[in-house]
């Protein structure tokens, strides 16, 4: 079974935008790992984010924490999870790019999000692996988050390149969403397993215990 090798969160805001994860990588190396945080440190948020790429929309909310509530601007946020494949077969990167929907219409729900997800399989480190994919540009001493539109163009260019095993999915398109979950199953990542996990989280009002 595939094992989580690394996790990267980019531009994640929570606690009513009071806390922000700029760009953080957790290297788990495919091993069982304990993350110890103080009360209010974001344990529930972290678990909710890690589950989000692998479940259908209705399972992303956790207790009273709506998944959509974390995304309030036009800037993209990223949830990136790299898996170590069995038999030293390499790695697969599962990524979610999400922002608040910018389309304005009478039918639009306040929970509407623009979500693009991608799957990238590779044998070794490359310029689009979890550590190097350039969603953030370094300008002298400053880190600049790319615009959503520029990130989308980047992902589309990787997809059409013959150099990478890269798939891209618009999760607001029902056909592409189904194809995404079918592709995950090739790596033994099953949405039904993840959707059963989320039911057991935040059963108490206090959050994740």
Protein backbone atom coordinates (compact mmCIF):
# COMPACT_ATOMS: atom_id res chain seq x y z
CA UNK A 1 0.00 0.00 0.00
CA UNK A 2 1.21 3.53 -0.77
CA UNK A 3 2.45 5.48 2.26
CA UNK A 4 2.51 9.22 2.85
CA UNK A 5 6.06 10.46 2.32
CA UNK A 6 5.62 14.24 2.69
CA UNK A 7 2.95 16.89 3.16
CA UNK A 8 3.12 20.50 2.00
CA UNK A 9 0.63 23.26 2.82
CA UNK A 10 0.78 26.63 1.06
CA UNK A 11 -1.24 29.75 1.97
CA UNK A 12 -3.58 28.08 4.44
CA UNK A 13 -5.53 30.45 6.71
CA UNK A 14 -7.61 29.41 9.72
CA UNK A 15 -9.05 30.68 13.00
CA UNK A 16 -10.88 33.38 11.06
CA UNK A 17 -7.67 34.29 9.18
CA UNK A 18 -5.89 34.80 12.50
CA UNK A 19 -3.33 32.07 11.76
CA UNK A 20 -1.62 31.53 8.42
CA UNK A 21 0.58 28.74 7.15
CA UNK A 22 2.75 30.42 4.54
CA UNK A 23 4.60 27.38 3.16
CA UNK A 24 5.28 24.37 5.35
CA UNK A 25 6.58 20.89 4.53
CA UNK A 26 6.25 17.87 6.81
CA UNK A 27 8.62 15.03 5.87
CA UNK A 28 7.13 11.76 7.15
CA UNK A 29 9.28 9.41 5.08
CA UNK A 30 6.49 6.85 4.84
CA UNK A 31 6.63 6.16 8.58
CA UNK A 32 4.05 6.36 11.36
CA UNK A 33 4.25 9.90 12.68
CA UNK A 34 2.95 11.80 15.69
CA UNK A 35 2.28 15.54 15.35
CA UNK A 36 1.90 17.15 18.79
CA UNK A 37 0.25 20.58 18.90
CA UNK A 38 -1.14 22.67 21.76
CA UNK A 39 -4.87 23.21 22.16
CA UNK A 40 -6.00 25.49 19.35
CA UNK A 41 -2.80 24.81 17.46
CA UNK A 42 -4.61 23.42 14.44
CA UNK A 43 -4.81 19.63 14.87
CA UNK A 44 -8.37 19.47 13.58
CA UNK A 45 -7.56 21.84 10.73
CA UNK A 46 -4.55 19.77 9.70
CA UNK A 47 -6.52 16.52 9.63
CA UNK A 48 -9.38 18.20 7.77
CA UNK A 49 -6.96 19.50 5.12
CA UNK A 50 -5.20 16.14 4.73
CA UNK A 51 -8.48 14.35 4.15
CA UNK A 52 -9.91 16.91 1.71
CA UNK A 53 -8.07 15.74 -1.45
CA UNK A 54 -9.37 12.19 -1.07
CA UNK A 55 -13.07 12.61 -0.28
CA UNK A 56 -16.13 13.92 -2.06
CA UNK A 57 -17.39 17.41 -1.32
CA UNK A 58 -19.94 16.49 1.33
CA UNK A 59 -17.23 14.87 3.48
CA UNK A 60 -14.88 17.87 3.58
CA UNK A 61 -16.74 19.69 6.36
CA UNK A 62 -15.72 18.72 9.88
CA UNK A 63 -18.24 19.30 12.67
CA UNK A 64 -19.02 23.03 12.45
CA UNK A 65 -15.87 23.83 10.46
CA UNK A 66 -16.91 24.25 6.85
CA UNK A 67 -14.13 23.49 4.41
CA UNK A 68 -15.12 26.54 2.36
CA UNK A 69 -14.61 28.85 5.36
CA UNK A 70 -10.83 28.57 5.06
CA UNK A 71 -10.79 30.13 1.58
CA UNK A 72 -12.04 33.71 1.43
CA UNK A 73 -9.95 35.42 -1.27
CA UNK A 74 -8.92 35.03 -4.91
CA UNK A 75 -5.47 33.76 -3.90
CA UNK A 76 -4.86 30.02 -4.28
CA UNK A 77 -4.15 27.66 -1.42
CA UNK A 78 -2.47 24.28 -1.91
CA UNK A 79 -2.69 20.92 -0.19
CA UNK A 80 0.08 18.69 -1.53
CA UNK A 81 0.64 15.10 -0.41
CA UNK A 82 3.44 12.91 -1.74
CA UNK A 83 3.07 9.14 -1.51
CA UNK A 84 5.87 6.57 -1.53
CA UNK A 85 4.90 3.69 -3.81
CA UNK A 86 5.50 0.04 -2.97
CA UNK A 87 8.55 -1.79 -4.24
CA UNK A 88 10.64 1.36 -4.70
CA UNK A 89 8.43 2.20 -7.67
CA UNK A 90 8.82 5.93 -7.02
CA UNK A 91 6.37 8.54 -5.81
CA UNK A 92 3.01 10.03 -6.64
CA UNK A 93 2.07 13.60 -5.79
CA UNK A 94 -1.60 14.35 -5.14
CA UNK A 95 -2.35 18.06 -5.18
CA UNK A 96 -5.34 20.30 -4.55
CA UNK A 97 -5.44 23.97 -5.60
CA UNK A 98 -8.41 25.81 -4.14
CA UNK A 99 -9.75 29.33 -3.78
CA UNK A 100 -13.09 31.04 -3.24
CA UNK A 101 -15.04 31.09 -6.51
CA UNK A 102 -14.74 34.41 -8.31
CA UNK A 103 -17.82 33.94 -10.49
CA UNK A 104 -20.78 36.07 -9.43
CA UNK A 105 -24.27 34.87 -10.21
CA UNK A 106 -27.68 34.69 -8.59
CA UNK A 107 -27.30 30.93 -8.19
CA UNK A 108 -23.86 31.10 -6.59
CA UNK A 109 -23.62 29.61 -3.11
CA UNK A 110 -21.33 31.22 -0.55
CA UNK A 111 -19.63 27.83 -0.20
CA UNK A 112 -18.65 27.69 -3.88
CA UNK A 113 -14.96 27.04 -4.48
CA UNK A 114 -12.72 26.77 -7.51
CA UNK A 115 -10.90 23.46 -7.08
CA UNK A 116 -8.34 21.91 -9.38
CA UNK A 117 -6.64 18.68 -8.41
CA UNK A 118 -3.73 16.87 -10.01
CA UNK A 119 -1.81 13.61 -9.82
CA UNK A 120 1.86 13.44 -10.73
CA UNK A 121 3.81 10.17 -10.71
CA UNK A 122 7.61 10.27 -10.79
CA UNK A 123 10.61 8.06 -10.09
CA UNK A 124 12.92 10.66 -8.57
CA UNK A 125 13.20 14.32 -7.65
CA UNK A 126 12.30 16.75 -10.43
CA UNK A 127 11.29 20.36 -10.92
CA UNK A 128 7.62 19.56 -10.30
CA UNK A 129 7.88 17.28 -7.28
CA UNK A 130 6.41 18.28 -3.92
CA UNK A 131 9.47 20.30 -2.91
CA UNK A 132 10.12 22.09 -6.18
CA UNK A 133 6.82 22.74 -7.96
CA UNK A 134 7.04 26.54 -8.38
CA UNK A 135 3.82 27.90 -6.91
CA UNK A 136 5.95 30.32 -4.93
CA UNK A 137 8.54 32.53 -6.57
CA UNK A 138 11.58 33.87 -4.73
CA UNK A 139 12.20 37.56 -5.38
CA UNK A 140 15.36 38.60 -3.53
CA UNK A 141 14.45 37.95 0.12
CA UNK A 142 10.70 37.78 -0.52
CA UNK A 143 8.47 34.84 -1.38
CA UNK A 144 5.66 35.65 -3.80
CA UNK A 145 2.65 33.38 -4.23
CA UNK A 146 1.69 32.99 -7.88
CA UNK A 147 -1.75 34.08 -9.03
CA UNK A 148 -4.42 31.38 -9.42
CA UNK A 149 -4.57 31.94 -13.18
CA UNK A 150 -0.78 31.61 -13.52
CA UNK A 151 -0.78 28.42 -11.43
CA UNK A 152 -3.52 26.99 -13.62
CA UNK A 153 -1.51 27.73 -16.77
CA UNK A 154 1.54 26.10 -15.17
CA UNK A 155 -0.41 22.94 -14.40
CA UNK A 156 -1.93 22.82 -17.87
CA UNK A 157 1.54 23.14 -19.43
CA UNK A 158 2.87 20.27 -17.32
CA UNK A 159 -0.09 18.15 -18.37
CA UNK A 160 0.52 18.60 -22.11
CA UNK A 161 4.24 17.96 -21.74
CA UNK A 162 5.42 14.52 -22.80
CA UNK A 163 8.09 14.54 -20.10
CA UNK A 164 5.82 13.90 -17.13
CA UNK A 165 3.08 11.48 -16.03
CA UNK A 166 0.72 14.23 -14.97
CA UNK A 167 -3.07 14.34 -14.82
CA UNK A 168 -5.21 17.43 -14.16
CA UNK A 169 -8.84 17.57 -13.03
CA UNK A 170 -11.40 20.35 -12.64
CA UNK A 171 -13.34 19.11 -9.61
CA UNK A 172 -16.35 21.27 -10.48
CA UNK A 173 -16.80 19.07 -13.53
CA UNK A 174 -18.58 15.86 -12.51
CA UNK A 175 -16.92 13.72 -15.20
CA UNK A 176 -13.43 14.93 -14.33
CA UNK A 177 -14.16 14.45 -10.63
CA UNK A 178 -15.10 10.80 -11.23
CA UNK A 179 -11.96 10.31 -13.31
CA UNK A 180 -9.85 11.75 -10.50
CA UNK A 181 -11.15 9.30 -7.91
CA UNK A 182 -10.75 6.42 -10.37
CA UNK A 183 -7.13 7.43 -10.95
CA UNK A 184 -6.47 7.49 -7.19
CA UNK A 185 -7.56 3.87 -6.98
CA UNK A 186 -4.64 2.91 -9.23
CA UNK A 187 -2.42 3.86 -6.29
CA UNK A 188 -4.64 2.07 -3.73
CA UNK A 189 -6.03 5.37 -2.46
CA UNK A 190 -9.74 4.73 -1.95
CA UNK A 191 -12.14 7.57 -1.20
CA UNK A 192 -14.50 5.30 0.75
CA UNK A 193 -11.75 4.53 3.25
CA UNK A 194 -11.01 8.23 3.76
CA UNK A 195 -14.70 9.07 3.99
CA UNK A 196 -15.09 6.54 6.81
CA UNK A 197 -12.18 8.17 8.65
CA UNK A 198 -13.68 11.65 8.60
CA UNK A 199 -16.87 10.46 10.29
CA UNK A 200 -14.86 9.68 13.42
CA UNK A 201 -13.25 13.10 13.69
CA UNK A 202 -14.68 16.02 15.67
CA UNK A 203 -17.49 13.99 17.24
CA UNK A 204 -17.04 16.21 20.27
CA UNK A 205 -17.49 19.93 20.20
CA UNK A 206 -13.92 20.39 21.42
CA UNK A 207 -12.56 19.27 18.06
CA UNK A 208 -10.03 16.53 17.45
CA UNK A 209 -9.24 14.66 20.68
